[in-house]
């Protein structure tokens, strides 16, 4: 089962992903760590694609999540 973390496409939400992942790791470290998926909530597409701002925040979250 994948645990999901919804975030808004803004500065504070993208910075909080690091805190959330660290907190989860500390709470469940002795157990197998579940797969965690991050999805962007309220991201408005423009012409079927993310806006530059949403893409920037998504790339920030992806960089943190990949580590």
C-alpha atoms as a PDB file:
ATOM      1  CA  UNK A   1       0.000   0.000   0.000  1.00  0.00           C
ATOM      2  CA  UNK A   2       1.273   3.449  -0.904  1.00  0.00           C
ATOM      3  CA  UNK A   3       0.780   6.243   1.610  1.00  0.00           C
ATOM      4  CA  UNK A   4      -0.129   9.488  -0.144  1.00  0.00           C
ATOM      5  CA  UNK A   5       0.815  13.023   0.814  1.00  0.00           C
ATOM      6  CA  UNK A   6      -1.217  15.787  -0.868  1.00  0.00           C
ATOM      7  CA  UNK A   7       0.468  19.188  -1.222  1.00  0.00           C
ATOM      8  CA  UNK A   8      -0.533  22.501  -2.704  1.00  0.00           C
ATOM      9  CA  UNK A   9       1.667  24.071  -5.382  1.00  0.00           C
ATOM     10  CA  UNK A  10       3.196  26.761  -3.195  1.00  0.00           C
ATOM     11  CA  UNK A  11       6.450  27.568  -1.430  1.00  0.00           C
ATOM     12  CA  UNK A  12       5.545  26.470   2.095  1.00  0.00           C
ATOM     13  CA  UNK A  13       3.961  23.194   1.046  1.00  0.00           C
ATOM     14  CA  UNK A  14       6.946  22.217  -1.077  1.00  0.00           C
ATOM     15  CA  UNK A  15       9.336  23.018   1.791  1.00  0.00           C
ATOM     16  CA  UNK A  16       7.259  21.011   4.289  1.00  0.00           C
ATOM     17  CA  UNK A  17       7.686  17.744   2.360  1.00  0.00           C
ATOM     18  CA  UNK A  18      11.175  17.345   3.835  1.00  0.00           C
ATOM     19  CA  UNK A  19       9.777  17.763   7.349  1.00  0.00           C
ATOM     20  CA  UNK A  20       6.960  15.305   6.719  1.00  0.00           C
ATOM     21  CA  UNK A  21       9.261  12.641   5.281  1.00  0.00           C
ATOM     22  CA  UNK A  22      11.766  13.019   8.142  1.00  0.00           C
ATOM     23  CA  UNK A  23       8.994  12.797  10.728  1.00  0.00           C
ATOM     24  CA  UNK A  24       7.536   9.684   9.110  1.00  0.00           C
ATOM     25  CA  UNK A  25      10.930   8.028   8.978  1.00  0.00           C
ATOM     26  CA  UNK A  26      11.536   8.709  12.683  1.00  0.00           C
ATOM     27  CA  UNK A  27       8.091   7.384  13.647  1.00  0.00           C
ATOM     28  CA  UNK A  28       8.253   4.130  11.653  1.00  0.00           C
ATOM     29  CA  UNK A  29      11.989   3.468  11.423  1.00  0.00           C
ATOM     30  CA  UNK A  30      11.996   0.051  13.148  1.00  0.00           C
ATOM     31  CA  UNK A  31       9.288  -1.179  10.789  1.00  0.00           C
ATOM     32  CA  UNK A  32       9.549  -1.474   7.020  1.00  0.00           C
ATOM     33  CA  UNK A  33       9.073   2.009   5.635  1.00  0.00           C
ATOM     34  CA  UNK A  34       6.006   2.078   3.353  1.00  0.00           C
ATOM     35  CA  UNK A  35       6.086   3.529  -0.118  1.00  0.00           C
ATOM     36  CA  UNK A  36       5.091   7.162  -0.019  1.00  0.00           C
ATOM     37  CA  UNK A  37       3.570   9.023  -2.943  1.00  0.00           C
ATOM     38  CA  UNK A  38       3.368  12.805  -3.147  1.00  0.00           C
ATOM     39  CA  UNK A  39       0.721  14.351  -5.342  1.00  0.00           C
ATOM     40  CA  UNK A  40       0.040  17.981  -6.061  1.00  0.00           C
ATOM     41  CA  UNK A  41      -3.385  19.165  -5.007  1.00  0.00           C
ATOM     42  CA  UNK A  42      -5.016  22.232  -6.580  1.00  0.00           C
ATOM     43  CA  UNK A  43      -2.458  22.491  -9.410  1.00  0.00           C
ATOM     44  CA  UNK A  44      -4.196  24.192 -12.286  1.00  0.00           C
ATOM     45  CA  UNK A  45      -3.101  23.036 -15.721  1.00  0.00           C
ATOM     46  CA  UNK A  46      -2.766  25.458 -18.583  1.00  0.00           C
ATOM     47  CA  UNK A  47      -3.422  23.870 -21.944  1.00  0.00           C
ATOM     48  CA  UNK A  48      -3.112  20.404 -20.402  1.00  0.00           C
ATOM     49  CA  UNK A  49       0.299  21.120 -18.842  1.00  0.00           C
ATOM     50  CA  UNK A  50       1.474  22.414 -15.487  1.00  0.00           C
ATOM     51  CA  UNK A  51       2.186  26.096 -15.193  1.00  0.00           C
ATOM     52  CA  UNK A  52       5.823  27.139 -14.735  1.00  0.00           C
ATOM     53  CA  UNK A  53       5.157  27.882 -11.081  1.00  0.00           C
ATOM     54  CA  UNK A  54       3.573  24.463 -10.431  1.00  0.00           C
ATOM     55  CA  UNK A  55       6.407  22.761 -12.331  1.00  0.00           C
ATOM     56  CA  UNK A  56       8.987  24.573 -10.179  1.00  0.00           C
ATOM     57  CA  UNK A  57       7.354  23.412  -6.934  1.00  0.00           C
ATOM     58  CA  UNK A  58       6.863  19.899  -8.290  1.00  0.00           C
ATOM     59  CA  UNK A  59      10.557  19.684  -9.214  1.00  0.00           C
ATOM     60  CA  UNK A  60      11.480  20.844  -5.677  1.00  0.00           C
ATOM     61  CA  UNK A  61       9.314  18.143  -4.132  1.00  0.00           C
ATOM     62  CA  UNK A  62      10.614  15.512  -6.528  1.00  0.00           C
ATOM     63  CA  UNK A  63      14.227  16.330  -5.640  1.00  0.00           C
ATOM     64  CA  UNK A  64      13.484  15.885  -1.927  1.00  0.00           C
ATOM     65  CA  UNK A  65      11.442  12.721  -2.455  1.00  0.00           C
ATOM     66  CA  UNK A  66      14.075  11.018  -4.623  1.00  0.00           C
ATOM     67  CA  UNK A  67      16.739  11.202  -1.885  1.00  0.00           C
END
